[in-house]
């Protein structure tokens, strides 16, 4: 990831859009890197593999899969490239054809640490 943080681990039900992950373990920041001071954020949603996750915590997306909360074990991301627009999206459990044209190609992950 980018930057650093200090804090502690907590567990609670975590809701992302309409998906609620039961008893998810997550980090709560008590100090964040200066890099984040100029951004408007209310949290960071880690999607890394477990082997690079802080304190080996299972990332929320893998918990979604474990708890059978997503239709498929995949997530997709659309990043809007138009300045000022807020149309970027992340879709857990599938794809949304309104964000792409043509066929989707799948490739194996080369190292089970990064997507």
N, C-alpha and C. Protein backbone atom coordinates (compact mmCIF):
# COMPACT_ATOMS: atom_id res chain seq x y z
N UNK A 1 0.80 -1.19 0.00
CA UNK A 1 0.00 0.00 0.00
C UNK A 1 0.85 1.25 0.00
N UNK A 2 0.20 2.37 0.07
CA UNK A 2 0.85 3.66 0.07
C UNK A 2 0.82 4.24 1.47
N UNK A 3 1.92 4.75 1.92
CA UNK A 3 1.94 5.38 3.23
C UNK A 3 2.02 4.36 4.34
N UNK A 4 1.76 4.85 5.54
CA UNK A 4 1.80 3.98 6.70
C UNK A 4 0.73 4.42 7.69
N UNK A 5 0.49 3.59 8.67
CA UNK A 5 -0.49 3.93 9.71
C UNK A 5 -0.14 3.19 10.98
N UNK A 6 -0.66 3.68 12.08
CA UNK A 6 -0.57 3.00 13.36
C UNK A 6 -1.98 2.89 13.90
N UNK A 7 -2.25 1.85 14.66
CA UNK A 7 -3.58 1.69 15.22
C UNK A 7 -3.75 0.35 15.88
N UNK A 8 -4.96 -0.14 15.86
CA UNK A 8 -5.28 -1.41 16.52
C UNK A 8 -6.33 -2.15 15.72
N UNK A 9 -6.49 -3.42 16.02
CA UNK A 9 -7.47 -4.26 15.33
C UNK A 9 -8.78 -4.29 16.11
N UNK A 10 -9.87 -4.33 15.36
CA UNK A 10 -11.21 -4.47 15.93
C UNK A 10 -11.97 -5.49 15.11
N UNK A 11 -13.09 -5.95 15.63
CA UNK A 11 -13.96 -6.86 14.89
C UNK A 11 -15.40 -6.38 15.04
N UNK A 12 -16.11 -6.36 13.93
CA UNK A 12 -17.50 -5.92 13.93
C UNK A 12 -18.10 -6.32 12.60
N UNK A 13 -19.40 -6.15 12.45
CA UNK A 13 -20.02 -6.34 11.15
C UNK A 13 -19.65 -5.14 10.28
N UNK A 14 -19.20 -5.41 9.07
CA UNK A 14 -18.77 -4.36 8.14
C UNK A 14 -19.67 -4.40 6.92
N UNK A 15 -20.26 -3.26 6.61
CA UNK A 15 -21.15 -3.17 5.44
C UNK A 15 -20.51 -2.32 4.37
N UNK A 16 -20.41 -2.90 3.17
CA UNK A 16 -19.91 -2.21 1.99
C UNK A 16 -21.03 -2.29 0.96
N UNK A 17 -21.60 -1.13 0.60
CA UNK A 17 -22.78 -1.08 -0.27
C UNK A 17 -23.88 -1.91 0.39
N UNK A 18 -24.34 -2.97 -0.25
CA UNK A 18 -25.42 -3.78 0.33
C UNK A 18 -24.92 -5.13 0.85
N UNK A 19 -23.62 -5.24 1.06
CA UNK A 19 -23.02 -6.49 1.55
C UNK A 19 -22.54 -6.28 2.98
N UNK A 20 -23.02 -7.13 3.90
CA UNK A 20 -22.58 -7.05 5.29
C UNK A 20 -21.76 -8.29 5.64
N UNK A 21 -20.51 -8.06 5.99
CA UNK A 21 -19.59 -9.12 6.40
C UNK A 21 -19.68 -9.22 7.92
N UNK A 22 -20.05 -10.39 8.41
CA UNK A 22 -20.22 -10.60 9.86
C UNK A 22 -18.87 -10.80 10.54
N UNK A 23 -18.71 -10.16 11.68
CA UNK A 23 -17.53 -10.32 12.55
C UNK A 23 -16.22 -10.18 11.78
N UNK A 24 -16.12 -9.15 10.94
CA UNK A 24 -14.91 -8.90 10.17
C UNK A 24 -13.86 -8.22 11.06
N UNK A 25 -12.60 -8.62 10.91
CA UNK A 25 -11.51 -7.98 11.62
C UNK A 25 -10.90 -6.92 10.72
N UNK A 26 -10.70 -5.74 11.27
CA UNK A 26 -10.18 -4.63 10.49
C UNK A 26 -9.33 -3.73 11.38
N UNK A 27 -8.52 -2.91 10.75
CA UNK A 27 -7.68 -1.99 11.49
C UNK A 27 -8.34 -0.64 11.68
N UNK A 28 -8.13 -0.05 12.86
CA UNK A 28 -8.58 1.30 13.13
C UNK A 28 -7.35 2.17 13.34
N UNK A 29 -7.25 3.22 12.56
CA UNK A 29 -6.06 4.07 12.59
C UNK A 29 -6.11 5.07 13.74
N UNK A 30 -4.98 5.18 14.42
CA UNK A 30 -4.81 6.25 15.41
C UNK A 30 -3.83 7.29 14.88
N UNK A 31 -3.04 6.91 13.87
CA UNK A 31 -2.11 7.82 13.21
C UNK A 31 -1.96 7.37 11.77
N UNK A 32 -2.06 8.31 10.84
CA UNK A 32 -1.86 7.98 9.42
C UNK A 32 -0.70 8.80 8.86
N UNK A 33 -0.11 8.30 7.79
CA UNK A 33 1.01 8.99 7.15
C UNK A 33 0.56 10.35 6.63
N UNK A 34 1.50 11.28 6.59
CA UNK A 34 1.19 12.63 6.10
C UNK A 34 0.60 12.60 4.69
N UNK A 35 0.96 11.58 3.94
CA UNK A 35 0.42 11.41 2.57
C UNK A 35 -1.10 11.54 2.56
N UNK A 36 -1.76 11.05 3.58
CA UNK A 36 -3.22 11.03 3.62
C UNK A 36 -3.84 12.33 4.14
N UNK A 37 -3.03 13.21 4.73
CA UNK A 37 -3.57 14.43 5.34
C UNK A 37 -4.26 15.35 4.34
N UNK A 38 -3.87 15.33 3.10
CA UNK A 38 -4.45 16.21 2.10
C UNK A 38 -5.58 15.56 1.32
N UNK A 39 -6.02 14.39 1.74
CA UNK A 39 -7.10 13.70 1.04
C UNK A 39 -8.34 13.64 1.90
N UNK A 40 -9.49 13.60 1.25
CA UNK A 40 -10.74 13.46 1.97
C UNK A 40 -11.12 11.98 1.97
N UNK A 41 -10.79 11.30 3.05
CA UNK A 41 -11.13 9.89 3.17
C UNK A 41 -11.75 9.65 4.54
N UNK A 42 -12.56 8.60 4.60
CA UNK A 42 -13.06 8.20 5.91
C UNK A 42 -12.66 6.77 6.20
N UNK A 43 -11.75 6.24 5.36
CA UNK A 43 -11.24 4.90 5.60
C UNK A 43 -10.52 4.37 4.39
N UNK A 44 -9.87 3.24 4.58
CA UNK A 44 -9.16 2.55 3.51
C UNK A 44 -9.67 1.12 3.48
N UNK A 45 -10.12 0.67 2.34
CA UNK A 45 -10.61 -0.70 2.20
C UNK A 45 -9.53 -1.53 1.55
N UNK A 46 -8.83 -2.33 2.34
CA UNK A 46 -7.75 -3.16 1.83
C UNK A 46 -8.26 -4.35 1.06
N UNK A 47 -7.72 -4.56 -0.13
CA UNK A 47 -8.12 -5.69 -0.97
C UNK A 47 -6.94 -6.60 -1.30
N UNK A 48 -5.88 -6.49 -0.54
CA UNK A 48 -4.68 -7.29 -0.80
C UNK A 48 -4.93 -8.76 -0.47
N UNK A 49 -3.99 -9.58 -0.85
CA UNK A 49 -4.00 -10.97 -0.42
C UNK A 49 -3.59 -11.02 1.05
N UNK A 50 -3.96 -12.08 1.73
CA UNK A 50 -3.68 -12.21 3.15
C UNK A 50 -2.19 -12.15 3.46
N UNK A 51 -1.34 -12.69 2.57
CA UNK A 51 0.09 -12.75 2.89
C UNK A 51 0.75 -11.38 2.97
N UNK A 52 0.13 -10.32 2.45
CA UNK A 52 0.71 -8.99 2.61
C UNK A 52 -0.19 -8.07 3.45
N UNK A 53 -1.28 -8.61 3.94
CA UNK A 53 -2.18 -7.81 4.79
C UNK A 53 -1.54 -7.59 6.16
N UNK A 54 -1.78 -6.43 6.71
CA UNK A 54 -1.24 -6.12 8.04
C UNK A 54 -1.72 -7.14 9.06
N UNK A 55 -0.81 -7.63 9.87
CA UNK A 55 -1.11 -8.61 10.93
C UNK A 55 -1.79 -9.87 10.41
N UNK A 56 -1.61 -10.16 9.11
CA UNK A 56 -2.19 -11.35 8.47
C UNK A 56 -3.72 -11.42 8.60
N UNK A 57 -4.34 -10.27 8.70
CA UNK A 57 -5.80 -10.20 8.78
C UNK A 57 -6.38 -10.58 7.42
N UNK A 58 -7.43 -11.38 7.41
CA UNK A 58 -8.08 -11.75 6.16
C UNK A 58 -8.78 -10.52 5.59
N UNK A 59 -8.42 -10.12 4.36
CA UNK A 59 -9.05 -8.95 3.75
C UNK A 59 -10.56 -9.13 3.59
N UNK A 60 -11.27 -8.02 3.64
CA UNK A 60 -12.74 -8.04 3.63
C UNK A 60 -13.31 -8.77 2.41
N UNK A 61 -12.69 -8.64 1.24
CA UNK A 61 -13.22 -9.32 0.07
C UNK A 61 -13.12 -10.84 0.22
N UNK A 62 -12.03 -11.33 0.77
CA UNK A 62 -11.90 -12.77 1.00
C UNK A 62 -12.92 -13.25 2.03
N UNK A 63 -13.23 -12.40 3.00
CA UNK A 63 -14.30 -12.73 3.95
C UNK A 63 -15.66 -12.78 3.25
N UNK A 64 -15.88 -11.89 2.28
CA UNK A 64 -17.12 -11.93 1.50
C UNK A 64 -17.27 -13.28 0.80
N UNK A 65 -16.17 -13.76 0.24
CA UNK A 65 -16.19 -15.06 -0.44
C UNK A 65 -16.46 -16.18 0.57
N UNK A 66 -15.71 -16.19 1.69
CA UNK A 66 -15.88 -17.22 2.72
C UNK A 66 -17.31 -17.30 3.23
N UNK A 67 -17.94 -16.14 3.39
CA UNK A 67 -19.29 -16.08 3.94
C UNK A 67 -20.37 -16.17 2.86
N UNK A 68 -19.96 -16.52 1.63
CA UNK A 68 -20.89 -16.70 0.50
C UNK A 68 -21.77 -15.47 0.28
N UNK A 69 -21.16 -14.30 0.32
CA UNK A 69 -21.89 -13.05 0.17
C UNK A 69 -21.82 -12.47 -1.24
N UNK A 70 -20.99 -13.07 -2.10
CA UNK A 70 -20.85 -12.60 -3.47
C UNK A 70 -21.16 -13.74 -4.44
N UNK A 71 -21.71 -13.38 -5.60
CA UNK A 71 -22.10 -14.38 -6.59
C UNK A 71 -20.91 -15.12 -7.17
N UNK A 72 -19.81 -14.41 -7.38
CA UNK A 72 -18.60 -15.00 -7.93
C UNK A 72 -17.40 -14.49 -7.13
N UNK A 73 -16.31 -15.26 -7.08
CA UNK A 73 -15.14 -14.82 -6.32
C UNK A 73 -14.27 -13.85 -7.12
N UNK A 74 -14.87 -12.73 -7.53
CA UNK A 74 -14.13 -11.72 -8.26
C UNK A 74 -14.70 -10.35 -7.96
N UNK A 75 -13.85 -9.35 -8.11
CA UNK A 75 -14.32 -7.97 -8.04
C UNK A 75 -13.79 -7.24 -9.25
N UNK A 76 -14.51 -6.21 -9.66
CA UNK A 76 -14.09 -5.42 -10.81
C UNK A 76 -14.11 -3.95 -10.43
N UNK A 77 -13.27 -3.19 -11.11
CA UNK A 77 -13.10 -1.77 -10.79
C UNK A 77 -13.23 -0.96 -12.08
N UNK A 78 -14.00 0.12 -12.00
CA UNK A 78 -14.08 1.08 -13.09
C UNK A 78 -13.60 2.42 -12.55
N UNK A 79 -12.58 3.00 -13.18
CA UNK A 79 -12.05 4.29 -12.77
C UNK A 79 -12.43 5.33 -13.82
N UNK A 80 -13.27 6.26 -13.44
CA UNK A 80 -13.71 7.33 -14.32
C UNK A 80 -12.53 8.25 -14.60
N UNK A 81 -12.27 8.55 -15.86
CA UNK A 81 -11.12 9.37 -16.22
C UNK A 81 -11.48 10.82 -16.51
N UNK A 82 -12.72 11.21 -16.28
CA UNK A 82 -13.14 12.58 -16.55
C UNK A 82 -13.07 13.41 -15.28
N UNK A 83 -12.27 14.45 -15.32
CA UNK A 83 -12.07 15.31 -14.15
C UNK A 83 -13.40 15.85 -13.63
N UNK A 84 -13.60 15.72 -12.33
CA UNK A 84 -14.81 16.22 -11.70
C UNK A 84 -15.95 15.23 -11.65
N UNK A 85 -15.90 14.18 -12.46
CA UNK A 85 -16.95 13.16 -12.43
C UNK A 85 -16.76 12.25 -11.23
N UNK A 86 -17.83 11.69 -10.75
CA UNK A 86 -17.78 10.76 -9.63
C UNK A 86 -18.45 9.45 -10.03
N UNK A 87 -18.06 8.92 -11.18
CA UNK A 87 -18.69 7.72 -11.72
C UNK A 87 -17.85 6.46 -11.53
N UNK A 88 -16.74 6.54 -10.82
CA UNK A 88 -15.93 5.35 -10.58
C UNK A 88 -16.75 4.35 -9.76
N UNK A 89 -16.41 3.08 -9.90
CA UNK A 89 -17.20 2.05 -9.20
C UNK A 89 -16.33 0.83 -8.91
N UNK A 90 -16.71 0.12 -7.86
CA UNK A 90 -16.15 -1.20 -7.58
C UNK A 90 -17.33 -2.13 -7.42
N UNK A 91 -17.25 -3.27 -8.09
CA UNK A 91 -18.34 -4.25 -8.08
C UNK A 91 -17.79 -5.52 -7.45
N UNK A 92 -18.38 -5.92 -6.34
CA UNK A 92 -17.97 -7.14 -5.66
C UNK A 92 -18.83 -8.30 -6.14
N UNK A 93 -18.18 -9.38 -6.60
CA UNK A 93 -18.91 -10.58 -6.98
C UNK A 93 -19.27 -10.66 -8.44
N UNK A 94 -18.73 -9.80 -9.28
CA UNK A 94 -19.06 -9.88 -10.69
C UNK A 94 -18.61 -8.68 -11.49
N UNK A 95 -19.25 -8.53 -12.63
CA UNK A 95 -18.96 -7.45 -13.57
C UNK A 95 -20.24 -6.69 -13.86
N UNK A 96 -20.12 -5.47 -14.31
CA UNK A 96 -21.27 -4.70 -14.76
C UNK A 96 -20.96 -4.22 -16.17
N UNK A 97 -21.70 -4.74 -17.15
CA UNK A 97 -21.41 -4.46 -18.56
C UNK A 97 -21.56 -3.00 -18.96
N UNK A 98 -22.16 -2.17 -18.12
CA UNK A 98 -22.24 -0.75 -18.47
C UNK A 98 -20.88 -0.06 -18.37
N UNK A 99 -19.89 -0.73 -17.78
CA UNK A 99 -18.57 -0.14 -17.61
C UNK A 99 -17.53 -0.63 -18.62
N UNK A 100 -17.90 -1.48 -19.55
CA UNK A 100 -16.93 -1.95 -20.54
C UNK A 100 -17.63 -2.38 -21.82
N UNK A 101 -16.82 -2.50 -22.88
CA UNK A 101 -17.31 -2.98 -24.18
C UNK A 101 -16.46 -4.17 -24.58
N UNK A 102 -17.06 -5.11 -25.28
CA UNK A 102 -16.30 -6.26 -25.77
C UNK A 102 -16.21 -7.38 -24.75
N UNK A 103 -15.34 -8.32 -25.05
CA UNK A 103 -15.17 -9.50 -24.20
C UNK A 103 -14.18 -9.20 -23.07
N UNK A 104 -14.38 -9.87 -21.96
CA UNK A 104 -13.47 -9.76 -20.82
C UNK A 104 -12.46 -10.89 -20.93
N UNK A 105 -11.19 -10.57 -20.75
CA UNK A 105 -10.14 -11.58 -20.76
C UNK A 105 -9.68 -11.81 -19.32
N UNK A 106 -9.51 -13.06 -18.95
CA UNK A 106 -9.04 -13.42 -17.62
C UNK A 106 -7.60 -13.92 -17.73
N UNK A 107 -6.79 -13.53 -16.76
CA UNK A 107 -5.40 -13.95 -16.71
C UNK A 107 -5.08 -14.40 -15.30
N UNK A 108 -4.22 -15.40 -15.17
CA UNK A 108 -3.79 -15.86 -13.87
C UNK A 108 -3.00 -14.76 -13.16
N UNK A 109 -3.13 -14.71 -11.86
CA UNK A 109 -2.33 -13.80 -11.05
C UNK A 109 -0.93 -14.40 -10.97
N UNK A 110 0.08 -13.60 -11.29
CA UNK A 110 1.46 -14.11 -11.34
C UNK A 110 2.02 -14.40 -9.95
N UNK A 111 1.70 -13.56 -8.97
CA UNK A 111 2.16 -13.74 -7.59
C UNK A 111 0.96 -13.54 -6.68
N UNK A 112 0.69 -14.50 -5.83
CA UNK A 112 -0.47 -14.40 -4.95
C UNK A 112 -0.25 -13.40 -3.82
N UNK A 113 0.10 -12.20 -4.19
CA UNK A 113 0.27 -11.10 -3.24
C UNK A 113 -0.40 -9.84 -3.77
N UNK A 114 -0.38 -9.67 -5.10
CA UNK A 114 -0.91 -8.46 -5.72
C UNK A 114 -1.87 -8.83 -6.84
N UNK A 115 -2.91 -8.02 -7.00
CA UNK A 115 -3.87 -8.26 -8.09
C UNK A 115 -3.30 -7.75 -9.37
